[in-house]
Amino acid sequence: MEWLSRTLSQEPTVLALSITLVVTIFVFAARKAHLNHLAKMKKIDDSFNIK
């Protein structure tokens, strides 16, 4: 962890890029989970709508 402390103290842009990367990954994962949830809800809804 010493290398991480040295890198972050020397380069504040590394910290900003790291935070941006983590947030971006979280946003894409949340979007994928949301779309999967919508697909499952549509499948369930369609199974109850007998035409």
PDB file of N, CA and C in Angstrom:
ATOM      1  N   MET A   1       0.819  -1.200   0.000  1.00  0.00           N
ATOM      2  CA  MET A   1       0.000   0.000   0.000  1.00  0.00           C
ATOM      3  C   MET A   1       0.860   1.259   0.000  1.00  0.00           C
ATOM      4  N   GLU A   2       2.117   1.091   0.257  1.00  0.00           N
ATOM      5  CA  GLU A   2       3.005   2.252   0.262  1.00  0.00           C
ATOM      6  C   GLU A   2       3.107   2.877  -1.126  1.00  0.00           C
ATOM      7  N   TRP A   3       3.131   2.016  -2.161  1.00  0.00           N
ATOM      8  CA  TRP A   3       3.221   2.534  -3.528  1.00  0.00           C
ATOM      9  C   TRP A   3       1.985   3.348  -3.879  1.00  0.00           C
ATOM     10  N   LEU A   4       0.840   2.929  -3.342  1.00  0.00           N
ATOM     11  CA  LEU A   4      -0.396   3.657  -3.612  1.00  0.00           C
ATOM     12  C   LEU A   4      -0.370   5.030  -2.951  1.00  0.00           C
ATOM     13  N   SER A   5       0.110   5.079  -1.728  1.00  0.00           N
ATOM     14  CA  SER A   5       0.203   6.364  -1.033  1.00  0.00           C
ATOM     15  C   SER A   5       1.145   7.313  -1.756  1.00  0.00           C
ATOM     16  N   ARG A   6       2.283   6.790  -2.222  1.00  0.00           N
ATOM     17  CA  ARG A   6       3.227   7.646  -2.941  1.00  0.00           C
ATOM     18  C   ARG A   6       2.634   8.139  -4.262  1.00  0.00           C
ATOM     19  N   THR A   7       1.940   7.266  -4.964  1.00  0.00           N
ATOM     20  CA  THR A   7       1.361   7.655  -6.250  1.00  0.00           C
ATOM     21  C   THR A   7       0.281   8.709  -6.069  1.00  0.00           C
ATOM     22  N   LEU A   8      -0.580   8.502  -5.094  1.00  0.00           N
ATOM     23  CA  LEU A   8      -1.680   9.446  -4.883  1.00  0.00           C
ATOM     24  C   LEU A   8      -1.196  10.787  -4.358  1.00  0.00           C
ATOM     25  N   SER A   9      -0.143  10.795  -3.570  1.00  0.00           N
ATOM     26  CA  SER A   9       0.359  12.064  -3.052  1.00  0.00           C
ATOM     27  C   SER A   9       1.115  12.845  -4.124  1.00  0.00           C
ATOM     28  N   GLN A  10       1.697  12.150  -5.087  1.00  0.00           N
ATOM     29  CA  GLN A  10       2.460  12.817  -6.143  1.00  0.00           C
ATOM     30  C   GLN A  10       1.558  13.309  -7.272  1.00  0.00           C
ATOM     31  N   GLU A  11       0.558  12.563  -7.585  1.00  0.00           N
ATOM     32  CA  GLU A  11      -0.291  12.885  -8.737  1.00  0.00           C
ATOM     33  C   GLU A  11      -1.757  12.980  -8.315  1.00  0.00           C
ATOM     34  N   PRO A  12      -2.267  14.180  -8.114  1.00  0.00           N
ATOM     35  CA  PRO A  12      -3.693  14.298  -7.763  1.00  0.00           C
ATOM     36  C   PRO A  12      -4.601  13.895  -8.924  1.00  0.00           C
ATOM     37  N   THR A  13      -4.094  13.942 -10.147  1.00  0.00           N
ATOM     38  CA  THR A  13      -4.921  13.522 -11.283  1.00  0.00           C
ATOM     39  C   THR A  13      -5.174  12.020 -11.254  1.00  0.00           C
ATOM     40  N   VAL A  14      -4.236  11.268 -10.677  1.00  0.00           N
ATOM     41  CA  VAL A  14      -4.437   9.824 -10.563  1.00  0.00           C
ATOM     42  C   VAL A  14      -5.633   9.538  -9.663  1.00  0.00           C
ATOM     43  N   LEU A  15      -5.750  10.295  -8.596  1.00  0.00           N
ATOM     44  CA  LEU A  15      -6.893  10.134  -7.693  1.00  0.00           C
ATOM     45  C   LEU A  15      -8.195  10.461  -8.414  1.00  0.00           C
ATOM     46  N   ALA A  16      -8.207  11.539  -9.167  1.00  0.00           N
ATOM     47  CA  ALA A  16      -9.412  11.935  -9.903  1.00  0.00           C
ATOM     48  C   ALA A  16      -9.769  10.892 -10.955  1.00  0.00           C
ATOM     49  N   LEU A  17      -8.771  10.384 -11.650  1.00  0.00           N
ATOM     50  CA  LEU A  17      -9.036   9.350 -12.659  1.00  0.00           C
ATOM     51  C   LEU A  17      -9.535   8.061 -12.020  1.00  0.00           C
ATOM     52  N   SER A  18      -8.984   7.704 -10.882  1.00  0.00           N
ATOM     53  CA  SER A  18      -9.427   6.495 -10.191  1.00  0.00           C
ATOM     54  C   SER A  18     -10.882   6.603  -9.754  1.00  0.00           C
ATOM     55  N   ILE A  19     -11.224   7.741  -9.197  1.00  0.00           N
ATOM     56  CA  ILE A  19     -12.605   7.955  -8.757  1.00  0.00           C
ATOM     57  C   ILE A  19     -13.548   7.934  -9.956  1.00  0.00           C
ATOM     58  N   THR A  20     -13.139   8.585 -11.040  1.00  0.00           N
ATOM     59  CA  THR A  20     -13.960   8.594 -12.258  1.00  0.00           C
ATOM     60  C   THR A  20     -14.156   7.190 -12.798  1.00  0.00           C
ATOM     61  N   LEU A  21     -13.105   6.390 -12.789  1.00  0.00           N
ATOM     62  CA  LEU A  21     -13.185   5.016 -13.278  1.00  0.00           C
ATOM     63  C   LEU A  21     -14.153   4.186 -12.440  1.00  0.00           C
ATOM     64  N   VAL A  22     -14.058   4.298 -11.133  1.00  0.00           N
ATOM     65  CA  VAL A  22     -14.942   3.534 -10.247  1.00  0.00           C
ATOM     66  C   VAL A  22     -16.397   3.955 -10.435  1.00  0.00           C
ATOM     67  N   VAL A  23     -16.647   5.247 -10.527  1.00  0.00           N
ATOM     68  CA  VAL A  23     -18.013   5.737 -10.719  1.00  0.00           C
ATOM     69  C   VAL A  23     -18.558   5.273 -12.065  1.00  0.00           C
ATOM     70  N   THR A  24     -17.737   5.324 -13.106  1.00  0.00           N
ATOM     71  CA  THR A  24     -18.174   4.884 -14.433  1.00  0.00           C
ATOM     72  C   THR A  24     -18.536   3.403 -14.432  1.00  0.00           C
ATOM     73  N   ILE A  25     -17.702   2.584 -13.813  1.00  0.00           N
ATOM     74  CA  ILE A  25     -18.002   1.148 -13.736  1.00  0.00           C
ATOM     75  C   ILE A  25     -19.297   0.919 -12.973  1.00  0.00           C
ATOM     76  N   PHE A  26     -19.497   1.650 -11.880  1.00  0.00           N
ATOM     77  CA  PHE A  26     -20.727   1.512 -11.100  1.00  0.00           C
ATOM     78  C   PHE A  26     -21.951   1.899 -11.923  1.00  0.00           C
ATOM     79  N   VAL A  27     -21.849   2.988 -12.689  1.00  0.00           N
ATOM     80  CA  VAL A  27     -22.983   3.444 -13.498  1.00  0.00           C
ATOM     81  C   VAL A  27     -23.341   2.391 -14.548  1.00  0.00           C
ATOM     82  N   PHE A  28     -22.333   1.832 -15.228  1.00  0.00           N
ATOM     83  CA  PHE A  28     -22.624   0.814 -16.233  1.00  0.00           C
ATOM     84  C   PHE A  28     -23.215  -0.444 -15.609  1.00  0.00           C
ATOM     85  N   ALA A  29     -22.722  -0.847 -14.437  1.00  0.00           N
ATOM     86  CA  ALA A  29     -23.269  -2.023 -13.761  1.00  0.00           C
ATOM     87  C   ALA A  29     -24.705  -1.780 -13.311  1.00  0.00           C
ATOM     88  N   ALA A  30     -24.983  -0.587 -12.791  1.00  0.00           N
ATOM     89  CA  ALA A  30     -26.345  -0.263 -12.352  1.00  0.00           C
ATOM     90  C   ALA A  30     -27.294  -0.212 -13.541  1.00  0.00           C
ATOM     91  N   ARG A  31     -26.826   0.336 -14.662  1.00  0.00           N
ATOM     92  CA  ARG A  31     -27.674   0.403 -15.861  1.00  0.00           C
ATOM     93  C   ARG A  31     -27.996  -1.000 -16.364  1.00  0.00           C
ATOM     94  N   LYS A  32     -26.999  -1.873 -16.377  1.00  0.00           N
ATOM     95  CA  LYS A  32     -27.225  -3.247 -16.839  1.00  0.00           C
ATOM     96  C   LYS A  32     -28.207  -3.966 -15.922  1.00  0.00           C
ATOM     97  N   ALA A  33     -28.057  -3.782 -14.617  1.00  0.00           N
ATOM     98  CA  ALA A  33     -28.972  -4.410 -13.667  1.00  0.00           C
ATOM     99  C   ALA A  33     -30.389  -3.872 -13.848  1.00  0.00           C
ATOM    100  N   HIS A  34     -30.509  -2.575 -14.098  1.00  0.00           N
ATOM    101  CA  HIS A  34     -31.829  -1.970 -14.302  1.00  0.00           C
ATOM    102  C   HIS A  34     -32.488  -2.524 -15.559  1.00  0.00           C
ATOM    103  N   LEU A  35     -31.728  -2.636 -16.635  1.00  0.00           N
ATOM    104  CA  LEU A  35     -32.297  -3.172 -17.878  1.00  0.00           C
ATOM    105  C   LEU A  35     -32.692  -4.635 -17.715  1.00  0.00           C
ATOM    106  N   ASN A  36     -31.901  -5.410 -16.976  1.00  0.00           N
ATOM    107  CA  ASN A  36     -32.267  -6.802 -16.711  1.00  0.00           C
ATOM    108  C   ASN A  36     -33.544  -6.871 -15.879  1.00  0.00           C
ATOM    109  N   HIS A  37     -33.663  -5.976 -14.919  1.00  0.00           N
ATOM    110  CA  HIS A  37     -34.865  -5.932 -14.087  1.00  0.00           C
ATOM    111  C   HIS A  37     -36.091  -5.588 -14.931  1.00  0.00           C
ATOM    112  N   LEU A  38     -35.951  -4.616 -15.816  1.00  0.00           N
ATOM    113  CA  LEU A  38     -37.078  -4.252 -16.684  1.00  0.00           C
ATOM    114  C   LEU A  38     -37.481  -5.410 -17.583  1.00  0.00           C
ATOM    115  N   ALA A  39     -36.511  -6.141 -18.094  1.00  0.00           N
ATOM    116  CA  ALA A  39     -36.816  -7.282 -18.953  1.00  0.00           C
ATOM    117  C   ALA A  39     -37.558  -8.368 -18.169  1.00  0.00           C
ATOM    118  N   LYS A  40     -37.121  -8.626 -16.946  1.00  0.00           N
ATOM    119  CA  LYS A  40     -37.800  -9.628 -16.118  1.00  0.00           C
ATOM    120  C   LYS A  40     -39.220  -9.187 -15.769  1.00  0.00           C
ATOM    121  N   MET A  41     -39.388  -7.902 -15.450  1.00  0.00           N
ATOM    122  CA  MET A  41     -40.717  -7.399 -15.121  1.00  0.00           C
ATOM    123  C   MET A  41     -41.641  -7.476 -16.337  1.00  0.00           C
ATOM    124  N   LYS A  42     -41.125  -7.191 -17.514  1.00  0.00           N
ATOM    125  CA  LYS A  42     -41.934  -7.289 -18.730  1.00  0.00           C
ATOM    126  C   LYS A  42     -42.340  -8.737 -18.983  1.00  0.00           C
ATOM    127  N   LYS A  43     -41.413  -9.667 -18.761  1.00  0.00           N
ATOM    128  CA  LYS A  43     -41.716 -11.078 -18.952  1.00  0.00           C
ATOM    129  C   LYS A  43     -42.816 -11.525 -17.987  1.00  0.00           C
ATOM    130  N   ILE A  44     -42.726 -11.096 -16.741  1.00  0.00           N
ATOM    131  CA  ILE A  44     -43.747 -11.435 -15.744  1.00  0.00           C
ATOM    132  C   ILE A  44     -45.085 -10.799 -16.111  1.00  0.00           C
ATOM    133  N   ASP A  45     -45.044  -9.536 -16.529  1.00  0.00           N
ATOM    134  CA  ASP A  45     -46.270  -8.829 -16.912  1.00  0.00           C
ATOM    135  C   ASP A  45     -46.935  -9.502 -18.101  1.00  0.00           C
ATOM    136  N   ASP A  46     -46.134  -9.899 -19.074  1.00  0.00           N
ATOM    137  CA  ASP A  46     -46.691 -10.570 -20.257  1.00  0.00           C
ATOM    138  C   ASP A  46     -47.297 -11.922 -19.921  1.00  0.00           C
ATOM    139  N   SER A  47     -46.774 -12.585 -18.914  1.00  0.00           N
ATOM    140  CA  SER A  47     -47.327 -13.896 -18.546  1.00  0.00           C
ATOM    141  C   SER A  47     -48.699 -13.766 -17.887  1.00  0.00           C
ATOM    142  N   PHE A  48     -49.003 -12.600 -17.280  1.00  0.00           N
ATOM    143  CA  PHE A  48     -50.307 -12.399 -16.661  1.00  0.00           C
ATOM    144  C   PHE A  48     -51.329 -11.831 -17.624  1.00  0.00           C
ATOM    145  N   ASN A  49     -50.887 -11.239 -18.715  1.00  0.00           N
ATOM    146  CA  ASN A  49     -51.808 -10.660 -19.700  1.00  0.00           C
ATOM    147  C   ASN A  49     -52.177 -11.726 -20.730  1.00  0.00           C
ATOM    148  N   ILE A  50     -53.234 -12.427 -20.440  1.00  0.00           N
ATOM    149  CA  ILE A  50     -53.696 -13.459 -21.377  1.00  0.00           C
ATOM    150  C   ILE A  50     -54.577 -12.783 -22.409  1.00  0.00           C
ATOM    151  N   LYS A  51     -54.201 -12.966 -23.655  1.00  0.00           N
ATOM    152  CA  LYS A  51     -54.928 -12.284 -24.738  1.00  0.00           C
ATOM    153  C   LYS A  51     -55.911 -13.194 -25.418  1.00  0.00           C
TER     154      LYS A  51
END
